[in-house]
C-alpha atoms as a PDB file:
ATOM      1  CA  MET A   1     -14.824   6.278  -1.659  1.00  0.00           C
ATOM      2  CA  ARG A   2     -13.116   3.039   0.498  1.00  0.00           C
ATOM      3  CA  LYS A   3     -10.455   1.537   2.040  1.00  0.00           C
ATOM      4  CA  ILE A   4      -9.168  -2.083   1.656  1.00  0.00           C
ATOM      5  CA  GLU A   5      -8.607  -3.657   5.347  1.00  0.00           C
ATOM      6  CA  TYR A   6      -6.447  -7.122   5.491  1.00  0.00           C
ATOM      7  CA  ASN A   7      -5.420  -8.742   8.599  1.00  0.00           C
ATOM      8  CA  LEU A   8      -1.539  -9.357   9.980  1.00  0.00           C
ATOM      9  CA  THR A   9       0.311 -11.267  11.233  1.00  0.00           C
ATOM     10  CA  ILE A  10       2.987 -10.686  13.361  1.00  0.00           C
ATOM     11  CA  TYR A  11       5.754 -13.776  13.644  1.00  0.00           C
ATOM     12  CA  PRO A  12       9.157 -14.089  15.462  1.00  0.00           C
ATOM     13  CA  PHE A  13      11.122 -13.350  12.952  1.00  0.00           C
ATOM     14  CA  HIS A  14       9.077  -9.431  12.568  1.00  0.00           C
ATOM     15  CA  ILE A  15      10.872  -8.260  16.145  1.00  0.00           C
ATOM     16  CA  ASP A  16      14.289  -6.427  16.061  1.00  0.00           C
ATOM     17  CA  ALA A  17      16.864  -6.503  19.292  1.00  0.00           C
ATOM     18  CA  MET A  18      14.452  -3.631  21.421  1.00  0.00           C
ATOM     19  CA  GLY A  19      11.684  -6.315  21.826  1.00  0.00           C
ATOM     20  CA  HIS A  20       9.180  -4.201  18.516  1.00  0.00           C
ATOM     21  CA  VAL A  21       8.111  -4.755  14.917  1.00  0.00           C
ATOM     22  CA  ASN A  22      11.033  -3.909  13.388  1.00  0.00           C
ATOM     23  CA  ASN A  23      10.916  -0.879  10.698  1.00  0.00           C
ATOM     24  CA  ILE A  24      10.829  -3.053   7.852  1.00  0.00           C
ATOM     25  CA  ILE A  25       8.478  -4.592   8.246  1.00  0.00           C
ATOM     26  CA  TYR A  26       5.730  -2.226   7.697  1.00  0.00           C
ATOM     27  CA  VAL A  27       7.217  -1.522   4.092  1.00  0.00           C
ATOM     28  CA  GLN A  28       6.757  -5.668   3.744  1.00  0.00           C
ATOM     29  CA  TRP A  29       2.950  -4.641   4.748  1.00  0.00           C
ATOM     30  CA  MET A  30       2.669  -2.030   2.417  1.00  0.00           C
ATOM     31  CA  GLU A  31       3.579  -4.643  -0.391  1.00  0.00           C
ATOM     32  CA  ILE A  32       0.708  -6.656   0.705  1.00  0.00           C
ATOM     33  CA  GLY A  33      -1.200  -3.301   1.438  1.00  0.00           C
ATOM     34  CA  ARG A  34      -0.642  -3.202  -2.725  1.00  0.00           C
ATOM     35  CA  VAL A  35      -1.178  -6.352  -4.374  1.00  0.00           C
ATOM     36  CA  LYS A  36      -4.466  -6.454  -2.661  1.00  0.00           C
ATOM     37  CA  LEU A  37      -4.952  -2.922  -3.921  1.00  0.00           C
ATOM     38  CA  LEU A  38      -4.234  -4.200  -7.723  1.00  0.00           C
ATOM     39  CA  ASP A  39      -5.954  -8.040  -6.660  1.00  0.00           C
ATOM     40  CA  ALA A  40      -9.827  -5.910  -5.465  1.00  0.00           C
ATOM     41  CA  ILE A  41      -9.504  -3.881  -8.941  1.00  0.00           C
ATOM     42  CA  GLU A  42      -9.100  -7.271 -10.134  1.00  0.00           C
ATOM     43  CA  MET A  43      -4.935  -6.403 -12.429  1.00  0.00           C
ATOM     44  CA  PRO A  44      -3.519  -8.506 -10.829  1.00  0.00           C
ATOM     45  CA  ILE A  45       0.999  -7.577 -10.682  1.00  0.00           C
ATOM     46  CA  ASP A  46       1.511 -10.585 -12.888  1.00  0.00           C
ATOM     47  CA  GLN A  47      -2.026  -8.798 -15.365  1.00  0.00           C
ATOM     48  CA  VAL A  48      -0.387  -5.753 -15.352  1.00  0.00           C
ATOM     49  CA  ILE A  49       3.041  -6.275 -16.376  1.00  0.00           C
ATOM     50  CA  GLU A  50       1.576  -8.339 -19.094  1.00  0.00           C
ATOM     51  CA  GLU A  51       0.567  -5.431 -20.447  1.00  0.00           C
ATOM     52  CA  GLY A  52       2.963  -3.624 -20.308  1.00  0.00           C
ATOM     53  CA  PHE A  53       3.321  -1.320 -17.479  1.00  0.00           C
ATOM     54  CA  ALA A  54       4.108  -1.174 -14.335  1.00  0.00           C
ATOM     55  CA  PRO A  55       4.215  -0.009 -10.932  1.00  0.00           C
ATOM     56  CA  VAL A  56       6.826   2.262  -9.506  1.00  0.00           C
ATOM     57  CA  LEU A  57       7.671   3.335  -5.696  1.00  0.00           C
ATOM     58  CA  GLU A  58       9.143   6.937  -5.777  1.00  0.00           C
ATOM     59  CA  GLU A  59       9.252   7.653  -1.808  1.00  0.00           C
ATOM     60  CA  THR A  60       7.926   5.908   1.160  1.00  0.00           C
ATOM     61  CA  THR A  61       6.881   7.468   4.290  1.00  0.00           C
ATOM     62  CA  ILE A  62       6.250   6.017   7.635  1.00  0.00           C
ATOM     63  CA  SER A  63       5.205   7.433  11.217  1.00  0.00           C
ATOM     64  CA  TYR A  64       5.492   5.761  14.074  1.00  0.00           C
ATOM     65  CA  LYS A  65       3.035   5.808  17.018  1.00  0.00           C
ATOM     66  CA  VAL A  66       2.854   2.760  18.251  1.00  0.00           C
ATOM     67  CA  PRO A  67       4.956  -0.480  18.976  1.00  0.00           C
ATOM     68  CA  LEU A  68       3.797  -3.949  17.730  1.00  0.00           C
ATOM     69  CA  TYR A  69       4.618  -6.943  19.744  1.00  0.00           C
ATOM     70  CA  LEU A  70       4.178 -10.771  19.202  1.00  0.00           C
ATOM     71  CA  GLY A  71       1.141 -12.224  19.683  1.00  0.00           C
ATOM     72  CA  ASP A  72      -0.304  -7.964  18.984  1.00  0.00           C
ATOM     73  CA  ARG A  73      -3.329  -8.363  16.553  1.00  0.00           C
ATOM     74  CA  VAL A  74      -2.814  -5.942  13.362  1.00  0.00           C
ATOM     75  CA  THR A  75      -5.627  -4.377  10.667  1.00  0.00           C
ATOM     76  CA  GLY A  76      -3.636  -2.880   8.304  1.00  0.00           C
ATOM     77  CA  SER A  77      -5.726   0.508   5.641  1.00  0.00           C
ATOM     78  CA  ILE A  78      -5.256   0.825   2.049  1.00  0.00           C
ATOM     79  CA  TRP A  79      -6.336   3.886   0.029  1.00  0.00           C
ATOM     80  CA  LEU A  80      -5.207   5.981  -2.222  1.00  0.00           C
ATOM     81  CA  SER A  81      -5.089   9.570  -1.729  1.00  0.00           C
ATOM     82  CA  GLN A  82      -4.607  11.119  -4.888  1.00  0.00           C
ATOM     83  CA  LEU A  83      -4.443  10.062  -8.348  1.00  0.00           C
ATOM     84  CA  ARG A  84      -2.943  11.794 -11.601  1.00  0.00           C
ATOM     85  CA  SER A  85      -3.080  10.865 -15.128  1.00  0.00           C
ATOM     86  CA  ALA A  86       0.694   8.738 -14.339  1.00  0.00           C
ATOM     87  CA  SER A  87       0.942   8.534 -10.929  1.00  0.00           C
ATOM     88  CA  ALA A  88      -0.456   7.517  -7.831  1.00  0.00           C
ATOM     89  CA  VAL A  89      -0.219   8.146  -3.899  1.00  0.00           C
ATOM     90  CA  MET A  90      -1.092   5.384  -1.778  1.00  0.00           C
ATOM     91  CA  SER A  91      -1.960   6.286   2.386  1.00  0.00           C
ATOM     92  CA  PHE A  92      -1.962   3.129   4.832  1.00  0.00           C
ATOM     93  CA  GLU A  93      -3.444   3.203   8.721  1.00  0.00           C
ATOM     94  CA  PHE A  94      -1.774  -0.156  10.605  1.00  0.00           C
ATOM     95  CA  CYS A  95      -4.284  -0.280  13.570  1.00  0.00           C
ATOM     96  CA  TYR A  96      -4.212  -2.793  16.702  1.00  0.00           C
ATOM     97  CA  GLN A  97      -7.150  -4.626  17.303  1.00  0.00           C
ATOM     98  CA  ASP A  98      -8.528  -2.081  19.909  1.00  0.00           C
ATOM     99  CA  GLY A  99      -8.184   0.436  16.774  1.00  0.00           C
ATOM    100  CA  GLU A 100      -5.552   2.371  17.978  1.00  0.00           C
ATOM    101  CA  VAL A 101      -3.377   4.160  15.528  1.00  0.00           C
ATOM    102  CA  ALA A 102      -0.214   1.561  15.840  1.00  0.00           C
ATOM    103  CA  ALA A 103       1.739   3.761  12.285  1.00  0.00           C
ATOM    104  CA  ILE A 104       0.687   5.367   9.182  1.00  0.00           C
ATOM    105  CA  GLY A 105       2.225   5.692   6.326  1.00  0.00           C
ATOM    106  CA  SER A 106       1.911   6.704   2.586  1.00  0.00           C
ATOM    107  CA  GLN A 107       3.808   5.398  -0.603  1.00  0.00           C
ATOM    108  CA  ARG A 108       3.912   7.754  -3.700  1.00  0.00           C
ATOM    109  CA  GLY A 109       4.213   5.947  -7.346  1.00  0.00           C
ATOM    110  CA  LEU A 110       4.545   6.383 -11.328  1.00  0.00           C
ATOM    111  CA  PHE A 111       3.031   3.976 -13.428  1.00  0.00           C
ATOM    112  CA  ILE A 112       6.069   3.461 -16.312  1.00  0.00           C
ATOM    113  CA  ASP A 113       5.672   1.614 -19.915  1.00  0.00           C
ATOM    114  CA  LEU A 114       7.640  -1.313 -19.634  1.00  0.00           C
ATOM    115  CA  ALA A 115       9.783  -0.693 -22.830  1.00  0.00           C
ATOM    116  CA  SER A 116      10.689   2.617 -22.771  1.00  0.00           C
ATOM    117  CA  LYS A 117      11.197   2.553 -19.842  1.00  0.00           C
ATOM    118  CA  LYS A 118       9.006   6.022 -18.566  1.00  0.00           C
ATOM    119  CA  PRO A 119       5.858   6.889 -17.641  1.00  0.00           C
ATOM    120  CA  LYS A 120       2.861   5.248 -19.168  1.00  0.00           C
ATOM    121  CA  ARG A 121      -0.553   7.022 -18.616  1.00  0.00           C
ATOM    122  CA  LEU A 122      -3.018   5.484 -16.943  1.00  0.00           C
ATOM    123  CA  ASP A 123      -6.531   4.960 -19.606  1.00  0.00           C
ATOM    124  CA  GLU A 124     -10.258   5.761 -18.536  1.00  0.00           C
ATOM    125  CA  ARG A 125     -10.287   2.224 -17.833  1.00  0.00           C
ATOM    126  CA  VAL A 126      -7.787   1.766 -15.588  1.00  0.00           C
ATOM    127  CA  ARG A 127      -7.817   4.838 -13.872  1.00  0.00           C
ATOM    128  CA  ASP A 128     -11.730   4.196 -13.405  1.00  0.00           C
ATOM    129  CA  ARG A 129     -11.053   1.066 -11.268  1.00  0.00           C
ATOM    130  CA  PHE A 130      -8.396   2.978  -9.211  1.00  0.00           C
ATOM    131  CA  ALA A 131     -10.462   6.016  -8.723  1.00  0.00           C
ATOM    132  CA  THR A 132     -12.977   3.633  -6.868  1.00  0.00           C
ATOM    133  CA  TYR A 133     -10.494   3.663  -3.903  1.00  0.00           C
ATOM    134  CA  LEU A 134      -9.809   7.199  -3.675  1.00  0.00           C
ATOM    135  CA  ILE A 135     -10.219   9.031  -0.704  1.00  0.00           C
ATOM    136  CA  THR A 136      -9.044  12.978  -0.483  1.00  0.00           C
ATOM    137  CA  ASP A 137     -10.841  14.281   2.450  1.00  0.00           C
ATOM    138  CA  VAL A 138      -9.145  11.876   5.394  1.00  0.00           C
END
């Protein structure tokens, strides 16, 4: 089991009136992580939609530890902390270049059938792909 790591750039438009990265940027960085997860399991979002299902978010939580500023180098990490038949919890960590944790978070998502708009159970093939990134003991 493993995490997916990805580098993030802080742009001037990410900075809020307080001089640090705005809270909403972390949600955007989570979306980047989700796309990277789907790419890693060889199921890019356009392919998932073609197959008639899609992940939707139910909940997002973020705990900010220390602020990030323009010029900081940031690494994001994503992994699954829970995988059920039709849902998953994705965990995130955002770290400074020195490894210090700046923020942690999670998102709970549900897989839905696009035609019926009802929860869709993952077949074994897809579930096994996601399971590669399942870490329950962090």
